[in-house]
Amino acid sequence: MEPIIKIKNLTVIYEKGAQSEVRALDNVSFEIYPEEYIIFFGPSGCGKSTLLYVIAGIERQIEKNGEIWVKDRNLVEFSKEDLVNFHRKEIGMIFQAYNLIPTLDVLNNVALPLIFSGAPKTEREQKAKALISRFDISAQAERLPQLLSGGQQQRVGIARALVTNPDIILADEPVGNLDSQSALTVLQTLRKLNKEDKKTLILVTHEAQFLTQADRIFYMKDGKIIRIEKQKSEPYSIKHPEEEKKEAPLLLPAALTVSSRKKINTSALLDYFGQQFNVEEILRFEDILDKFISQKLSQREFEILLDKPFKDGGLGVYHQTAKKLAREIEKILQLSNALKKDLEEKKELSFEIEKIAIWLLDEYAGKILSLQEERIEDGILKRIKKEYGRKDFENFLDRPTKNGGAGLNWRTAKNLAAKLEVIIQ
């Protein structure tokens, strides 16, 4: 598969030659493939938003040897007219501050890109109405932006980005101004755009809890991409669901991955523990974790390093958190290794599935009926067999028992689904 975006030798320098010179991007090169979900992740000032605006054709202060290829065209060579057409047809932008026109109602804000492209009024209204209906804001169609909640305003922004049906969606900290529930709704919407609408999605964030959403994560620091982490299969080997089931009937446990590359899914692990680390802390955590997994550290030494201040080579988490992390990761590795062994030897998985279910529920304070236990174990097996995706498993846990589900509440279902992802990969 050919990349939809290709960046070569990209450098952006502000105030060049002055004492205040800033190298916002430093010789960056990478490729992004159609239908990928990419996250640019890093602390404030690392260059992630600059990189997004370069791809959008908004940031034009590029050093001479840099190339920005989007759909086989080099943006560096674009005229002003080329850029206008590019912005109107090829990309959709979603902003943290929404950037809605305060004097236009919702319907006309969504239709605005079509107005600029000269589309007839009937076409504009038809497309805008379809999108505001899809994002459940039809009731606000005639309201001005200032009368909407933050979540509603961002859904208007997403609808506006989609109204010209671009292949590429660029989102700059899209949930930065939202409460947690609105942020979750927006992230779920973006995921659907990627999975169902087949949009190539690039999201900028400094929030580690969002990393599990992406296919690949580009970790950035000081204007450079310091690491690219793959969450799923390579983009050029992406297959239809039917093909995936035939070729890969079982998900590999994390321990199976560990045996080949001494690593487990750090993003899933941090998501489960609810830890919000910056880039430097994530890299430090991975280094400490790798040493523990490869048995260079005992569990006690691992715990001490997690507790030790960051400036002294540790991670600097609270002592009780360090103890919990060490204890839980030891359990995760034990469960993964046992599951790996049974998979390799083609043994019946029921015993290991039961142990995984007990581990998933060990902090659950509610009462679990025997029927619910059976359903949960059945759901775990289907997740391992790849009959369920993560969201399918979460929905199954949340579904009432009378409808064939496990009958847990939505929050418990969400937490257990996140926890299971640490075991499998």
Protein backbone atom coordinates (compact mmCIF):
# COMPACT_ATOMS: atom_id res chain seq x y z
CA MET A 1 0.00 0.00 0.00
CA GLU A 2 1.32 3.45 -0.93
CA PRO A 3 1.46 6.11 1.81
CA ILE A 4 -1.14 8.86 1.76
CA ILE A 5 1.27 11.22 3.57
CA LYS A 6 5.05 11.20 3.23
CA ILE A 7 7.31 13.66 5.08
CA LYS A 8 10.99 13.94 4.14
CA ASN A 9 13.78 15.90 5.88
CA LEU A 10 11.33 18.39 7.37
CA THR A 11 12.80 21.24 9.42
CA VAL A 12 10.97 24.32 10.68
CA ILE A 13 12.96 27.15 12.28
CA TYR A 14 11.48 30.29 13.81
CA GLU A 15 13.52 33.50 14.21
CA LYS A 16 16.35 31.93 12.20
CA GLY A 17 19.74 33.48 12.90
CA ALA A 18 18.50 35.44 15.90
CA GLN A 19 19.35 34.77 19.54
CA SER A 20 15.76 33.65 20.01
CA GLU A 21 16.00 31.05 17.20
CA VAL A 22 13.75 28.04 17.79
CA ARG A 23 13.99 24.77 15.87
CA ALA A 24 10.35 23.69 16.05
CA LEU A 25 10.91 20.62 13.84
CA ASP A 26 14.30 19.04 13.28
CA ASN A 27 14.84 16.87 10.17
CA VAL A 28 11.64 14.85 10.55
CA SER A 29 10.80 12.02 8.12
CA PHE A 30 7.96 9.45 8.20
CA GLU A 31 5.08 7.93 6.24
CA ILE A 32 1.36 7.56 7.04
CA TYR A 33 -0.87 5.09 5.23
CA PRO A 34 -4.53 5.33 4.17
CA GLU A 35 -7.07 4.66 6.95
CA GLU A 36 -4.48 4.80 9.74
CA TYR A 37 -5.20 6.42 13.10
CA ILE A 38 -2.04 8.27 14.12
CA ILE A 39 -1.34 10.16 17.35
CA PHE A 40 1.42 12.78 17.66
CA PHE A 41 2.22 12.62 21.38
CA GLY A 42 4.52 14.72 23.51
CA PRO A 43 4.82 17.58 26.00
CA SER A 44 3.99 21.19 25.23
CA GLY A 45 6.50 22.74 22.84
CA CYS A 46 7.70 19.43 21.37
CA GLY A 47 6.57 20.34 17.83
CA LYS A 48 3.51 18.11 17.51
CA SER A 49 1.06 20.89 16.60
CA THR A 50 3.60 22.47 14.25
CA LEU A 51 3.89 19.13 12.47
CA LEU A 52 0.12 18.87 12.16
CA TYR A 53 -0.11 22.36 10.67
CA VAL A 54 2.68 21.56 8.23
CA ILE A 55 0.64 18.60 6.94
CA ALA A 56 -2.39 20.91 6.77
CA GLY A 57 -0.44 23.33 4.59
CA ILE A 58 -0.94 26.10 7.17
CA GLU A 59 2.66 26.25 8.43
CA ARG A 60 4.77 27.24 5.41
CA GLN A 61 8.07 28.18 7.05
CA ILE A 62 9.88 25.09 5.76
CA GLU A 63 13.63 24.74 5.26
CA LYS A 64 14.63 24.22 1.62
CA ASN A 65 15.25 20.46 1.50
CA GLY A 66 11.97 19.55 3.25
CA GLU A 67 9.23 17.68 1.39
CA ILE A 68 5.55 17.27 2.37
CA TRP A 69 3.82 14.75 0.13
CA VAL A 70 0.06 14.36 0.50
CA LYS A 71 -1.68 12.05 -1.98
CA ASP A 72 1.38 12.17 -4.29
CA ARG A 73 1.58 15.99 -4.37
CA ASN A 74 4.33 18.02 -2.67
CA LEU A 75 2.76 20.84 -0.63
CA VAL A 76 6.06 22.75 -0.70
CA GLU A 77 5.47 23.41 -4.41
CA PHE A 78 1.83 24.52 -3.98
CA SER A 79 0.67 27.94 -5.12
CA LYS A 80 -1.82 29.90 -3.01
CA GLU A 81 -4.62 28.66 -5.25
CA ASP A 82 -3.42 25.07 -4.87
CA LEU A 83 -3.48 25.47 -1.09
CA VAL A 84 -7.00 26.89 -1.11
CA ASN A 85 -8.25 23.90 -3.12
CA PHE A 86 -6.28 21.54 -0.86
CA HIS A 87 -7.92 22.99 2.27
CA ARG A 88 -11.38 22.84 0.70
CA LYS A 89 -11.25 19.30 -0.66
CA GLU A 90 -8.47 17.15 0.77
CA ILE A 91 -8.39 17.71 4.55
CA GLY A 92 -10.73 18.43 7.43
CA MET A 93 -9.46 20.31 10.50
CA ILE A 94 -10.73 19.95 14.08
CA PHE A 95 -9.46 22.50 16.61
CA GLN A 96 -9.22 22.57 20.40
CA ALA A 97 -10.94 25.97 20.50
CA TYR A 98 -13.65 24.82 18.02
CA ASN A 99 -13.15 27.96 15.82
CA LEU A 100 -16.85 28.29 15.04
CA ILE A 101 -18.21 31.54 13.58
CA PRO A 102 -20.12 33.15 16.50
CA THR A 103 -22.62 34.96 14.25
CA LEU A 104 -23.63 31.83 12.31
CA ASP A 105 -25.99 29.15 13.60
CA VAL A 106 -24.99 25.49 13.80
CA LEU A 107 -26.34 24.56 10.37
CA ASN A 108 -24.46 27.35 8.60
CA ASN A 109 -21.26 26.72 10.56
CA VAL A 110 -21.29 23.14 9.31
CA ALA A 111 -22.12 24.23 5.75
CA LEU A 112 -19.45 26.96 5.68
CA PRO A 113 -16.78 25.04 3.69
CA LEU A 114 -19.39 24.28 1.02
CA ILE A 115 -20.28 27.98 0.80
CA PHE A 116 -16.63 28.77 0.03
CA SER A 117 -16.47 26.02 -2.59
CA GLY A 118 -19.55 27.42 -4.34
CA ALA A 119 -21.94 24.52 -3.74
CA PRO A 120 -25.66 25.27 -4.31
CA LYS A 121 -27.72 26.12 -1.23
CA THR A 122 -29.86 22.96 -1.46
CA GLU A 123 -26.75 20.77 -1.56
CA ARG A 124 -25.18 22.65 1.35
CA GLU A 125 -28.25 22.30 3.53
CA GLN A 126 -28.77 18.65 2.65
CA LYS A 127 -25.20 17.67 3.57
CA ALA A 128 -25.09 19.83 6.68
CA LYS A 129 -28.43 18.48 7.96
CA ALA A 130 -27.29 14.90 7.41
CA LEU A 131 -24.15 15.49 9.47
CA ILE A 132 -25.79 17.33 12.36
CA SER A 133 -28.35 14.53 12.50
CA ARG A 134 -25.56 11.95 12.58
CA PHE A 135 -23.85 13.72 15.48
CA ASP A 136 -27.09 14.26 17.40
CA ILE A 137 -27.14 18.06 17.24
CA SER A 138 -30.19 18.56 14.99
CA ALA A 139 -32.10 20.15 17.87
CA GLN A 140 -29.43 22.86 18.00
CA ALA A 141 -29.44 23.55 14.23
CA GLU A 142 -30.64 27.15 14.60
CA ARG A 143 -28.66 28.01 17.73
CA LEU A 144 -25.54 30.15 17.85
CA PRO A 145 -22.32 28.46 19.10
CA GLN A 146 -22.24 30.35 22.41
CA LEU A 147 -25.52 28.67 23.40
CA LEU A 148 -24.00 25.18 23.10
CA SER A 149 -21.99 23.08 25.54
CA GLY A 150 -18.32 22.43 24.79
CA GLY A 151 -19.07 18.89 23.65
CA GLN A 152 -21.81 20.10 21.31
CA GLN A 153 -19.52 22.78 19.86
CA GLN A 154 -16.84 20.20 19.15
CA ARG A 155 -19.36 17.94 17.42
CA VAL A 156 -20.26 20.91 15.22
CA GLY A 157 -16.54 21.29 14.50
CA ILE A 158 -16.27 17.62 13.53
CA ALA A 159 -19.33 17.87 11.29
CA ARG A 160 -17.82 20.93 9.58
CA ALA A 161 -14.55 19.04 9.01
CA LEU A 162 -16.49 16.24 7.30
CA VAL A 163 -18.88 18.23 5.14
CA THR A 164 -16.59 18.17 2.08
CA ASN A 165 -15.91 14.44 2.63
CA PRO A 166 -12.09 14.68 2.85
CA ASP A 167 -9.92 11.56 3.11
CA ILE A 168 -7.73 13.07 5.85
CA ILE A 169 -8.89 14.45 9.22
CA LEU A 170 -6.44 16.48 11.35
CA ALA A 171 -7.36 17.05 15.01
CA ASP A 172 -5.35 19.41 17.23
CA GLU A 173 -6.00 18.62 20.92
CA PRO A 174 -9.72 18.18 20.12
CA VAL A 175 -10.75 17.34 23.71
CA GLY A 176 -8.49 19.79 25.53
CA ASN A 177 -11.38 22.05 26.56
CA LEU A 178 -13.90 19.32 27.38
CA ASP A 179 -15.03 17.53 30.53
CA SER A 180 -14.21 13.82 30.75
CA GLN A 181 -17.59 12.55 29.51
CA SER A 182 -17.69 14.96 26.54
CA ALA A 183 -14.07 14.06 25.76
CA LEU A 184 -14.98 10.37 25.70
CA THR A 185 -17.90 11.06 23.33
CA VAL A 186 -15.67 13.03 20.95
CA LEU A 187 -12.95 10.35 20.99
CA GLN A 188 -15.53 7.66 20.23
CA THR A 189 -16.77 9.79 17.34
CA LEU A 190 -13.25 10.17 15.95
CA ARG A 191 -12.68 6.42 16.24
CA LYS A 192 -15.83 5.78 14.21
CA LEU A 193 -14.65 8.21 11.53
CA ASN A 194 -11.50 6.14 11.24
CA LYS A 195 -13.05 2.67 11.45
CA GLU A 196 -16.40 3.16 9.71
CA ASP A 197 -15.81 6.13 7.39
CA LYS A 198 -12.28 4.92 6.56
CA LYS A 199 -10.75 8.34 7.20
CA THR A 200 -7.03 8.75 7.76
CA LEU A 201 -6.95 10.42 11.18
CA ILE A 202 -4.08 12.32 12.79
CA LEU A 203 -4.62 13.51 16.36
CA VAL A 204 -2.34 15.69 18.49
CA THR A 205 -2.41 15.18 22.25
CA HIS A 206 -0.28 15.32 25.39
CA GLU A 207 -2.69 13.01 27.27
CA ALA A 208 -1.28 9.50 27.66
CA GLN A 209 -4.70 7.97 28.39
CA PHE A 210 -5.75 8.49 24.76
CA LEU A 211 -2.86 6.52 23.24
CA THR A 212 -4.70 3.20 23.07
CA GLN A 213 -7.00 4.73 20.44
CA ALA A 214 -4.28 4.85 17.78
CA ASP A 215 -2.80 2.40 15.28
CA ARG A 216 0.60 4.08 15.69
CA ILE A 217 1.95 6.63 18.16
CA PHE A 218 4.65 9.13 17.17
CA TYR A 219 6.47 10.15 20.36
CA MET A 220 7.94 13.65 20.00
CA LYS A 221 10.48 15.68 21.93
CA ASP A 222 12.42 18.84 21.03
CA GLY A 223 11.15 18.90 17.45
CA LYS A 224 12.06 15.28 16.73
CA ILE A 225 10.19 12.00 16.50
CA ILE A 226 12.08 9.97 19.06
CA ARG A 227 10.10 6.76 18.66
CA ILE A 228 7.18 5.28 16.72
CA GLU A 229 5.11 2.65 18.54
CA LYS A 230 2.87 0.31 16.58
CA GLN A 231 -0.36 -0.72 18.28
CA LYS A 232 -1.64 -3.04 15.55
CA SER A 233 -0.58 -4.69 12.30
CA GLU A 234 1.40 -2.75 9.72
CA PRO A 235 -0.87 -0.61 7.53
CA TYR A 236 0.15 -2.36 4.34
CA SER A 237 -0.97 -5.72 5.78
CA ILE A 238 -4.37 -4.59 7.06
CA LYS A 239 -7.03 -7.12 6.04
CA HIS A 240 -10.78 -7.32 6.04
CA PRO A 241 -12.31 -8.80 9.23
CA GLU A 242 -13.15 -12.08 7.45
CA GLU A 243 -9.53 -12.52 6.34
CA GLU A 244 -8.24 -11.66 9.81
CA LYS A 245 -10.37 -14.37 11.40
CA LYS A 246 -9.12 -16.98 8.92
CA GLU A 247 -5.44 -16.07 9.23
CA ALA A 248 -5.20 -15.16 12.93
CA PRO A 249 -7.86 -16.98 14.95
CA LEU A 250 -6.25 -16.20 18.29
CA LEU A 251 -4.91 -12.98 19.76
CA LEU A 252 -1.44 -13.42 21.21
CA PRO A 253 -1.05 -12.96 24.95
CA ALA A 254 1.27 -10.15 25.99
CA ALA A 255 3.81 -12.69 27.23
CA LEU A 256 4.12 -14.17 23.74
CA THR A 257 5.12 -10.74 22.48
CA VAL A 258 7.47 -10.32 25.44
CA SER A 259 9.34 -13.48 24.52
CA SER A 260 10.23 -12.05 21.12
CA ARG A 261 10.82 -8.37 21.83
CA LYS A 262 10.96 -7.98 25.59
CA LYS A 263 7.99 -5.62 25.67
CA ILE A 264 4.34 -5.48 26.64
CA ASN A 265 1.67 -3.02 25.57
CA THR A 266 2.67 -0.03 27.69
CA SER A 267 -0.21 2.11 26.47
CA ALA A 268 -2.78 -0.50 27.49
CA LEU A 269 -1.02 -0.94 30.83
CA LEU A 270 -1.07 2.79 31.61
CA ASP A 271 -4.68 3.02 30.43
CA TYR A 272 -5.67 0.25 32.85
CA PHE A 273 -3.79 1.79 35.79
CA GLY A 274 -5.10 5.27 34.96
CA GLN A 275 -1.58 6.72 34.95
CA GLN A 276 -1.00 9.96 33.04
CA PHE A 277 2.71 10.10 32.23
CA ASN A 278 4.52 12.49 29.92
CA VAL A 279 6.86 11.24 27.18
CA GLU A 280 9.98 11.14 29.38
CA GLU A 281 8.12 9.26 32.12
CA ILE A 282 6.71 6.72 29.64
CA LEU A 283 10.18 6.03 28.23
CA ARG A 284 11.59 5.66 31.76
CA PHE A 285 8.73 3.32 32.73
CA GLU A 286 9.31 1.17 29.64
CA ASP A 287 13.03 0.92 30.41
CA ILE A 288 12.37 -0.15 34.00
CA LEU A 289 9.64 -2.55 32.88
CA ASP A 290 11.89 -4.16 30.24
CA LYS A 291 14.54 -4.83 32.89
CA PHE A 292 11.93 -6.43 35.16
CA ILE A 293 10.49 -8.59 32.37
CA SER A 294 13.96 -9.77 31.32
CA GLN A 295 14.62 -10.65 34.99
CA LYS A 296 17.37 -8.07 35.45
CA LEU A 297 15.33 -6.71 38.37
CA SER A 298 13.56 -8.56 41.17
CA GLN A 299 10.00 -7.57 42.03
CA ARG A 300 11.30 -5.66 45.05
CA GLU A 301 13.95 -3.83 42.97
CA PHE A 302 11.29 -3.03 40.37
CA GLU A 303 9.04 -1.59 43.07
CA ILE A 304 11.90 0.52 44.51
CA LEU A 305 12.70 1.99 41.08
CA LEU A 306 9.06 2.89 40.49
CA ASP A 307 9.04 4.69 43.85
CA LYS A 308 12.45 6.41 43.48
CA PRO A 309 12.35 10.10 42.35
CA PHE A 310 12.61 10.69 38.61
CA LYS A 311 15.78 12.79 38.99
CA ASP A 312 17.46 9.80 40.67
CA GLY A 313 16.68 7.38 37.84
CA GLY A 314 13.29 6.17 39.06
CA LEU A 315 9.73 6.94 38.04
CA GLY A 316 8.62 8.93 41.08
CA VAL A 317 5.17 7.42 41.62
CA TYR A 318 3.60 7.20 45.07
CA HIS A 319 4.87 4.33 47.21
CA GLN A 320 1.48 2.56 47.34
CA THR A 321 1.07 2.98 43.57
CA ALA A 322 4.54 1.49 43.05
CA LYS A 323 3.60 -1.54 45.16
CA LYS A 324 0.34 -2.02 43.25
CA LEU A 325 2.07 -1.68 39.87
CA ALA A 326 4.74 -4.22 40.79
CA ARG A 327 2.20 -6.68 42.19
CA GLU A 328 -0.19 -6.38 39.25
CA ILE A 329 2.49 -6.60 36.57
CA GLU A 330 3.78 -9.79 38.18
CA LYS A 331 0.23 -11.23 37.96
CA ILE A 332 -0.09 -10.09 34.35
CA LEU A 333 3.12 -11.86 33.36
CA GLN A 334 2.08 -15.06 35.16
CA LEU A 335 -1.31 -15.11 33.43
CA SER A 336 0.22 -14.27 30.05
CA ASN A 337 2.86 -16.97 30.32
CA ALA A 338 0.31 -19.60 31.31
CA LEU A 339 -1.98 -18.60 28.45
CA LYS A 340 0.95 -18.58 26.03
CA LYS A 341 1.92 -22.10 27.06
CA ASP A 342 -1.61 -23.47 26.61
CA LEU A 343 -1.91 -21.80 23.20
CA GLU A 344 1.41 -23.21 22.03
CA GLU A 345 0.50 -26.70 23.23
CA LYS A 346 -3.05 -26.35 21.83
CA LYS A 347 -4.55 -27.18 25.22
CA GLU A 348 -8.10 -26.51 26.39
CA LEU A 349 -8.16 -22.88 27.57
CA SER A 350 -11.00 -23.07 30.09
CA PHE A 351 -8.73 -23.24 33.17
CA GLU A 352 -6.66 -20.20 32.14
CA ILE A 353 -9.80 -18.31 31.09
CA GLU A 354 -11.23 -18.91 34.57
CA LYS A 355 -8.05 -17.54 36.18
CA ILE A 356 -8.13 -14.47 33.94
CA ALA A 357 -11.79 -13.88 34.88
CA ILE A 358 -10.92 -14.07 38.60
CA TRP A 359 -8.10 -11.57 38.04
CA LEU A 360 -10.37 -9.21 36.10
CA LEU A 361 -12.91 -9.21 38.93
CA ASP A 362 -10.54 -9.18 41.92
CA GLU A 363 -11.32 -5.53 42.77
CA TYR A 364 -15.01 -5.68 41.86
CA ALA A 365 -17.10 -4.99 44.97
CA GLY A 366 -20.48 -6.06 43.60
CA LYS A 367 -22.08 -9.49 43.60
CA ILE A 368 -21.47 -11.71 40.57
CA LEU A 369 -23.99 -14.45 39.78
CA SER A 370 -22.90 -17.79 38.34
CA LEU A 371 -24.56 -16.93 35.02
CA GLN A 372 -22.56 -13.69 34.88
CA GLU A 373 -19.33 -15.61 35.59
CA GLU A 374 -20.08 -17.95 32.70
CA ARG A 375 -20.85 -15.04 30.39
CA ILE A 376 -17.68 -13.17 31.36
CA GLU A 377 -15.53 -16.25 30.71
CA ASP A 378 -17.28 -16.77 27.39
CA GLY A 379 -16.59 -13.13 26.47
CA ILE A 380 -12.90 -13.45 27.39
CA LEU A 381 -12.56 -16.50 25.15
CA LYS A 382 -14.25 -14.68 22.26
CA ARG A 383 -11.88 -11.73 22.74
CA ILE A 384 -8.88 -14.06 22.62
CA LYS A 385 -10.30 -15.79 19.54
CA LYS A 386 -10.75 -12.34 17.98
CA GLU A 387 -14.48 -12.85 17.61
CA TYR A 388 -14.79 -9.68 19.71
CA GLY A 389 -12.84 -6.46 19.42
CA ARG A 390 -12.18 -4.47 22.57
CA LYS A 391 -15.34 -2.39 22.14
CA ASP A 392 -17.39 -5.52 21.33
CA PHE A 393 -16.16 -7.11 24.57
CA GLU A 394 -17.00 -3.95 26.53
CA ASN A 395 -20.50 -3.82 25.02
CA PHE A 396 -20.99 -7.54 25.77
CA LEU A 397 -20.10 -7.00 29.44
CA ASP A 398 -22.48 -4.03 29.61
CA ARG A 399 -25.37 -5.82 27.88
CA PRO A 400 -28.14 -7.19 30.19
CA THR A 401 -28.08 -10.94 30.83
CA LYS A 402 -31.58 -11.28 29.37
CA ASN A 403 -30.12 -10.01 26.08
CA GLY A 404 -27.20 -12.43 26.17
CA GLY A 405 -24.66 -10.18 27.89
CA ALA A 406 -22.87 -10.26 31.25
CA GLY A 407 -25.10 -7.65 32.91
CA LEU A 408 -22.40 -5.37 34.35
CA ASN A 409 -22.76 -1.59 34.51
CA TRP A 410 -21.07 0.46 31.78
CA ARG A 411 -18.24 1.75 33.97
CA THR A 412 -17.28 -1.73 35.17
CA ALA A 413 -17.51 -3.02 31.60
CA LYS A 414 -15.19 -0.26 30.39
CA ASN A 415 -12.65 -0.92 33.17
CA LEU A 416 -12.62 -4.70 32.66
CA ALA A 417 -12.23 -4.32 28.89
CA ALA A 418 -9.23 -2.02 29.44
CA LYS A 419 -7.77 -4.48 31.95
CA LEU A 420 -8.05 -7.46 29.59
CA GLU A 421 -6.12 -5.58 26.89
CA VAL A 422 -3.05 -5.72 29.12
CA ILE A 423 -3.08 -9.53 28.99
CA ILE A 424 -3.65 -9.89 25.25
CA GLN A 425 -2.20 -8.11 22.24
